[in-house]
Amino acid sequence: MLKYKDYTGSVEYDAEDNRLFGYVQGLSRTGISYVGDSVDELRADFEAGVDHYLADCAARGVEPEKPYSGRLLLRMPGALHQQVALAARQAGLSINEFINQTLRKEVASA
């Protein structure tokens, strides 16, 4: 992964073209891609892509999209929803707090 100005980008390899490429992660309305023949070229194109996006937003007077806004639409079976609601109530938490706490524990142990 590449990181620059709070943006994270993937690093992928195209065997057919023998090139590296990637996409900025966590943006829902904007697509920023980049390519390179070396890691240095890939990183430079990634950073240039982020800079261009930020400059374009500034020129248009719009707020740049933040990666991973913190909002997540989650679908689950009704029976699981009921179990989560009951477990959250027993823990004295909202469903949102319960899910966040559970996910933090799971991610920490991964």
N, C-alpha and C. Protein backbone atom coordinates (compact mmCIF):
# COMPACT_ATOMS: atom_id res chain seq x y z
N MET A 1 0.83 -1.18 0.00
CA MET A 1 0.00 0.00 0.00
C MET A 1 0.88 1.25 0.00
N LEU A 2 0.40 2.26 -0.67
CA LEU A 2 1.06 3.56 -0.69
C LEU A 2 0.25 4.52 0.16
N LYS A 3 0.91 5.46 0.83
CA LYS A 3 0.21 6.45 1.66
C LYS A 3 0.75 7.84 1.33
N TYR A 4 -0.19 8.80 1.21
CA TYR A 4 0.19 10.17 0.90
C TYR A 4 -0.99 11.08 1.23
N LYS A 5 -0.76 12.09 2.06
CA LYS A 5 -1.78 13.09 2.41
C LYS A 5 -3.11 12.44 2.83
N ASP A 6 -3.06 11.48 3.71
CA ASP A 6 -4.25 10.78 4.22
C ASP A 6 -4.94 9.90 3.19
N TYR A 7 -4.34 9.69 2.05
CA TYR A 7 -4.90 8.80 1.03
C TYR A 7 -4.04 7.54 0.96
N THR A 8 -4.70 6.42 0.72
CA THR A 8 -4.02 5.13 0.63
C THR A 8 -4.27 4.56 -0.75
N GLY A 9 -3.22 4.00 -1.34
CA GLY A 9 -3.35 3.42 -2.67
C GLY A 9 -2.86 2.00 -2.73
N SER A 10 -3.49 1.23 -3.59
CA SER A 10 -3.09 -0.16 -3.79
C SER A 10 -1.87 -0.23 -4.70
N VAL A 11 -1.19 -1.36 -4.64
CA VAL A 11 -0.08 -1.65 -5.56
C VAL A 11 -0.40 -2.99 -6.19
N GLU A 12 -0.57 -2.99 -7.51
CA GLU A 12 -0.92 -4.21 -8.23
C GLU A 12 0.01 -4.36 -9.43
N TYR A 13 0.04 -5.58 -9.97
CA TYR A 13 0.95 -5.87 -11.08
C TYR A 13 0.14 -6.41 -12.25
N ASP A 14 0.40 -5.86 -13.43
CA ASP A 14 -0.22 -6.33 -14.67
C ASP A 14 0.83 -7.13 -15.44
N ALA A 15 0.71 -8.45 -15.41
CA ALA A 15 1.70 -9.33 -16.06
C ALA A 15 1.69 -9.15 -17.57
N GLU A 16 0.54 -8.86 -18.14
CA GLU A 16 0.44 -8.71 -19.59
C GLU A 16 1.23 -7.50 -20.08
N ASP A 17 1.12 -6.39 -19.36
CA ASP A 17 1.84 -5.16 -19.73
C ASP A 17 3.16 -5.00 -19.00
N ASN A 18 3.43 -5.88 -18.04
CA ASN A 18 4.64 -5.82 -17.21
C ASN A 18 4.78 -4.45 -16.56
N ARG A 19 3.66 -3.98 -15.96
CA ARG A 19 3.64 -2.67 -15.31
C ARG A 19 2.96 -2.78 -13.96
N LEU A 20 3.30 -1.86 -13.10
CA LEU A 20 2.62 -1.71 -11.83
C LEU A 20 1.48 -0.71 -12.01
N PHE A 21 0.41 -0.89 -11.24
CA PHE A 21 -0.70 0.06 -11.27
C PHE A 21 -1.40 0.03 -9.93
N GLY A 22 -2.31 0.95 -9.71
CA GLY A 22 -3.06 0.97 -8.48
C GLY A 22 -4.18 1.97 -8.51
N TYR A 23 -4.96 1.95 -7.43
CA TYR A 23 -6.11 2.83 -7.26
C TYR A 23 -6.12 3.38 -5.85
N VAL A 24 -6.52 4.64 -5.70
CA VAL A 24 -6.70 5.21 -4.37
C VAL A 24 -7.91 4.51 -3.74
N GLN A 25 -7.75 4.07 -2.51
CA GLN A 25 -8.75 3.29 -1.80
C GLN A 25 -9.68 4.17 -0.98
N GLY A 26 -10.92 3.71 -0.81
CA GLY A 26 -11.85 4.35 0.11
C GLY A 26 -12.61 5.54 -0.42
N LEU A 27 -12.57 5.79 -1.73
CA LEU A 27 -13.32 6.89 -2.32
C LEU A 27 -14.52 6.31 -3.05
N SER A 28 -15.71 6.85 -2.80
CA SER A 28 -16.90 6.29 -3.43
C SER A 28 -17.34 7.05 -4.69
N ARG A 29 -16.98 8.33 -4.77
CA ARG A 29 -17.43 9.14 -5.91
C ARG A 29 -16.31 9.48 -6.89
N THR A 30 -15.08 9.19 -6.53
CA THR A 30 -13.93 9.61 -7.32
C THR A 30 -13.03 8.42 -7.60
N GLY A 31 -12.54 8.33 -8.80
CA GLY A 31 -11.59 7.27 -9.15
C GLY A 31 -10.24 7.89 -9.47
N ILE A 32 -9.22 7.51 -8.71
CA ILE A 32 -7.86 7.98 -8.98
C ILE A 32 -7.01 6.74 -9.21
N SER A 33 -6.47 6.62 -10.42
CA SER A 33 -5.61 5.48 -10.74
C SER A 33 -4.23 6.00 -11.12
N TYR A 34 -3.25 5.11 -11.12
CA TYR A 34 -1.87 5.49 -11.40
C TYR A 34 -1.12 4.27 -11.90
N VAL A 35 -0.01 4.52 -12.63
CA VAL A 35 0.79 3.44 -13.21
C VAL A 35 2.27 3.78 -13.10
N GLY A 36 3.10 2.78 -13.26
CA GLY A 36 4.54 2.99 -13.27
C GLY A 36 5.28 1.74 -13.66
N ASP A 37 6.47 1.92 -14.19
CA ASP A 37 7.32 0.79 -14.54
C ASP A 37 8.21 0.37 -13.39
N SER A 38 8.25 1.18 -12.33
CA SER A 38 9.02 0.85 -11.13
C SER A 38 8.23 1.36 -9.92
N VAL A 39 8.64 0.95 -8.76
CA VAL A 39 7.97 1.41 -7.54
C VAL A 39 8.10 2.93 -7.43
N ASP A 40 9.26 3.47 -7.75
CA ASP A 40 9.45 4.92 -7.68
C ASP A 40 8.51 5.65 -8.64
N GLU A 41 8.37 5.13 -9.87
CA GLU A 41 7.46 5.75 -10.84
C GLU A 41 6.01 5.63 -10.37
N LEU A 42 5.66 4.48 -9.82
CA LEU A 42 4.30 4.26 -9.33
C LEU A 42 3.98 5.24 -8.21
N ARG A 43 4.90 5.37 -7.25
CA ARG A 43 4.69 6.29 -6.13
C ARG A 43 4.56 7.73 -6.64
N ALA A 44 5.39 8.12 -7.58
CA ALA A 44 5.34 9.49 -8.12
C ALA A 44 4.01 9.75 -8.82
N ASP A 45 3.52 8.77 -9.58
CA ASP A 45 2.24 8.95 -10.27
C ASP A 45 1.08 8.96 -9.29
N PHE A 46 1.17 8.14 -8.23
CA PHE A 46 0.16 8.13 -7.17
C PHE A 46 0.08 9.51 -6.51
N GLU A 47 1.22 10.04 -6.10
CA GLU A 47 1.26 11.34 -5.43
C GLU A 47 0.79 12.45 -6.37
N ALA A 48 1.18 12.38 -7.65
CA ALA A 48 0.73 13.38 -8.62
C ALA A 48 -0.78 13.30 -8.82
N GLY A 49 -1.33 12.08 -8.82
CA GLY A 49 -2.77 11.91 -8.96
C GLY A 49 -3.53 12.51 -7.79
N VAL A 50 -3.05 12.29 -6.57
CA VAL A 50 -3.69 12.87 -5.39
C VAL A 50 -3.58 14.39 -5.43
N ASP A 51 -2.38 14.90 -5.75
CA ASP A 51 -2.19 16.36 -5.83
C ASP A 51 -3.11 16.98 -6.89
N HIS A 52 -3.23 16.33 -8.05
CA HIS A 52 -4.09 16.83 -9.12
C HIS A 52 -5.54 16.86 -8.65
N TYR A 53 -5.98 15.81 -7.99
CA TYR A 53 -7.35 15.73 -7.49
C TYR A 53 -7.62 16.86 -6.49
N LEU A 54 -6.70 17.06 -5.55
CA LEU A 54 -6.87 18.11 -4.54
C LEU A 54 -6.86 19.50 -5.18
N ALA A 55 -5.99 19.72 -6.15
CA ALA A 55 -5.93 21.01 -6.85
C ALA A 55 -7.21 21.25 -7.65
N ASP A 56 -7.72 20.21 -8.30
CA ASP A 56 -8.96 20.33 -9.06
C ASP A 56 -10.13 20.67 -8.15
N CYS A 57 -10.20 20.01 -7.00
CA CYS A 57 -11.26 20.33 -6.02
C CYS A 57 -11.16 21.78 -5.57
N ALA A 58 -9.95 22.23 -5.27
CA ALA A 58 -9.75 23.62 -4.84
C ALA A 58 -10.17 24.60 -5.92
N ALA A 59 -9.81 24.31 -7.18
CA ALA A 59 -10.14 25.19 -8.29
C ALA A 59 -11.65 25.28 -8.50
N ARG A 60 -12.36 24.18 -8.24
CA ARG A 60 -13.81 24.16 -8.41
C ARG A 60 -14.56 24.60 -7.15
N GLY A 61 -13.80 24.79 -6.05
CA GLY A 61 -14.42 25.22 -4.80
C GLY A 61 -15.26 24.14 -4.14
N VAL A 62 -14.85 22.88 -4.32
CA VAL A 62 -15.58 21.77 -3.69
C VAL A 62 -14.68 21.08 -2.67
N GLU A 63 -15.29 20.50 -1.69
CA GLU A 63 -14.56 19.78 -0.64
C GLU A 63 -14.11 18.43 -1.19
N PRO A 64 -12.82 18.10 -1.08
CA PRO A 64 -12.36 16.79 -1.56
C PRO A 64 -13.01 15.66 -0.76
N GLU A 65 -13.28 14.59 -1.44
CA GLU A 65 -13.84 13.42 -0.77
C GLU A 65 -12.80 12.84 0.18
N LYS A 66 -13.21 12.55 1.38
CA LYS A 66 -12.32 11.93 2.37
C LYS A 66 -12.40 10.41 2.20
N PRO A 67 -11.25 9.75 2.24
CA PRO A 67 -11.29 8.29 2.16
C PRO A 67 -11.91 7.71 3.43
N TYR A 68 -12.71 6.69 3.25
CA TYR A 68 -13.33 5.99 4.37
C TYR A 68 -14.01 6.97 5.31
N SER A 69 -15.19 7.38 4.93
CA SER A 69 -15.95 8.40 5.66
C SER A 69 -16.36 7.96 7.05
N GLY A 70 -16.38 6.67 7.31
CA GLY A 70 -16.85 6.19 8.60
C GLY A 70 -18.29 5.73 8.56
N ARG A 71 -18.92 5.92 7.42
CA ARG A 71 -20.30 5.43 7.23
C ARG A 71 -20.24 4.15 6.44
N LEU A 72 -20.98 3.15 6.89
CA LEU A 72 -20.98 1.84 6.25
C LEU A 72 -22.39 1.29 6.27
N LEU A 73 -22.91 0.96 5.11
CA LEU A 73 -24.21 0.32 5.02
C LEU A 73 -23.97 -1.17 5.15
N LEU A 74 -24.59 -1.78 6.13
CA LEU A 74 -24.37 -3.19 6.42
C LEU A 74 -25.69 -3.93 6.31
N ARG A 75 -25.74 -4.96 5.51
CA ARG A 75 -26.93 -5.80 5.39
C ARG A 75 -26.64 -7.12 6.09
N MET A 76 -27.64 -7.63 6.81
CA MET A 76 -27.49 -8.90 7.51
C MET A 76 -28.86 -9.56 7.60
N PRO A 77 -28.88 -10.86 7.79
CA PRO A 77 -30.17 -11.54 7.94
C PRO A 77 -30.91 -11.01 9.17
N GLY A 78 -32.23 -11.01 9.11
CA GLY A 78 -33.04 -10.50 10.20
C GLY A 78 -32.77 -11.19 11.53
N ALA A 79 -32.54 -12.50 11.48
CA ALA A 79 -32.27 -13.25 12.72
C ALA A 79 -30.96 -12.78 13.36
N LEU A 80 -29.94 -12.51 12.54
CA LEU A 80 -28.68 -12.01 13.08
C LEU A 80 -28.85 -10.61 13.64
N HIS A 81 -29.63 -9.78 12.96
CA HIS A 81 -29.92 -8.43 13.44
C HIS A 81 -30.54 -8.50 14.84
N GLN A 82 -31.47 -9.40 15.01
CA GLN A 82 -32.11 -9.58 16.31
C GLN A 82 -31.10 -10.01 17.37
N GLN A 83 -30.23 -10.95 17.03
CA GLN A 83 -29.21 -11.42 17.97
C GLN A 83 -28.26 -10.29 18.35
N VAL A 84 -27.86 -9.49 17.37
CA VAL A 84 -26.96 -8.37 17.63
C VAL A 84 -27.66 -7.35 18.54
N ALA A 85 -28.92 -7.05 18.27
CA ALA A 85 -29.66 -6.11 19.09
C ALA A 85 -29.76 -6.59 20.53
N LEU A 86 -30.05 -7.88 20.72
CA LEU A 86 -30.15 -8.43 22.07
C LEU A 86 -28.80 -8.40 22.78
N ALA A 87 -27.73 -8.79 22.08
CA ALA A 87 -26.40 -8.79 22.68
C ALA A 87 -25.97 -7.36 23.04
N ALA A 88 -26.30 -6.41 22.18
CA ALA A 88 -25.96 -5.00 22.46
C ALA A 88 -26.71 -4.52 23.70
N ARG A 89 -27.98 -4.85 23.78
CA ARG A 89 -28.78 -4.43 24.94
C ARG A 89 -28.22 -5.03 26.23
N GLN A 90 -27.85 -6.31 26.17
CA GLN A 90 -27.29 -6.97 27.35
C GLN A 90 -25.96 -6.34 27.77
N ALA A 91 -25.20 -5.85 26.80
CA ALA A 91 -23.92 -5.21 27.08
C ALA A 91 -24.09 -3.74 27.47
N GLY A 92 -25.32 -3.24 27.37
CA GLY A 92 -25.57 -1.84 27.70
C GLY A 92 -25.06 -0.88 26.64
N LEU A 93 -25.04 -1.35 25.39
CA LEU A 93 -24.51 -0.55 24.29
C LEU A 93 -25.57 -0.38 23.21
N SER A 94 -25.39 0.64 22.37
CA SER A 94 -26.22 0.74 21.17
C SER A 94 -25.72 -0.32 20.18
N ILE A 95 -26.53 -0.61 19.20
CA ILE A 95 -26.10 -1.57 18.18
C ILE A 95 -24.83 -1.08 17.50
N ASN A 96 -24.77 0.21 17.18
CA ASN A 96 -23.59 0.78 16.53
C ASN A 96 -22.35 0.60 17.40
N GLU A 97 -22.45 0.92 18.69
CA GLU A 97 -21.32 0.77 19.61
C GLU A 97 -20.91 -0.69 19.72
N PHE A 98 -21.90 -1.57 19.80
CA PHE A 98 -21.62 -3.01 19.91
C PHE A 98 -20.87 -3.53 18.68
N ILE A 99 -21.34 -3.16 17.50
CA ILE A 99 -20.69 -3.61 16.26
C ILE A 99 -19.28 -3.05 16.18
N ASN A 100 -19.09 -1.76 16.50
CA ASN A 100 -17.75 -1.17 16.48
C ASN A 100 -16.81 -1.88 17.45
N GLN A 101 -17.28 -2.13 18.66
CA GLN A 101 -16.46 -2.81 19.67
C GLN A 101 -16.09 -4.22 19.21
N THR A 102 -17.06 -4.93 18.65
CA THR A 102 -16.82 -6.29 18.16
C THR A 102 -15.82 -6.30 17.01
N LEU A 103 -15.98 -5.36 16.08
CA LEU A 103 -15.06 -5.29 14.94
C LEU A 103 -13.65 -4.90 15.38
N ARG A 104 -13.53 -3.97 16.34
CA ARG A 104 -12.20 -3.60 16.85
C ARG A 104 -11.47 -4.82 17.40
N LYS A 105 -12.20 -5.62 18.19
CA LYS A 105 -11.59 -6.84 18.78
C LYS A 105 -11.16 -7.80 17.67
N GLU A 106 -12.00 -7.98 16.68
CA GLU A 106 -11.69 -8.92 15.60
C GLU A 106 -10.51 -8.45 14.77
N VAL A 107 -10.47 -7.17 14.44
CA VAL A 107 -9.37 -6.62 13.64
C VAL A 107 -8.06 -6.69 14.42
N ALA A 108 -8.11 -6.43 15.71
CA ALA A 108 -6.90 -6.46 16.54
C ALA A 108 -6.31 -7.86 16.61
N SER A 109 -7.17 -8.87 16.52
CA SER A 109 -6.66 -10.25 16.62
C SER A 109 -6.31 -10.84 15.26
N ALA A 110 -6.58 -10.11 14.19
CA ALA A 110 -6.31 -10.63 12.83
C ALA A 110 -4.83 -10.55 12.47
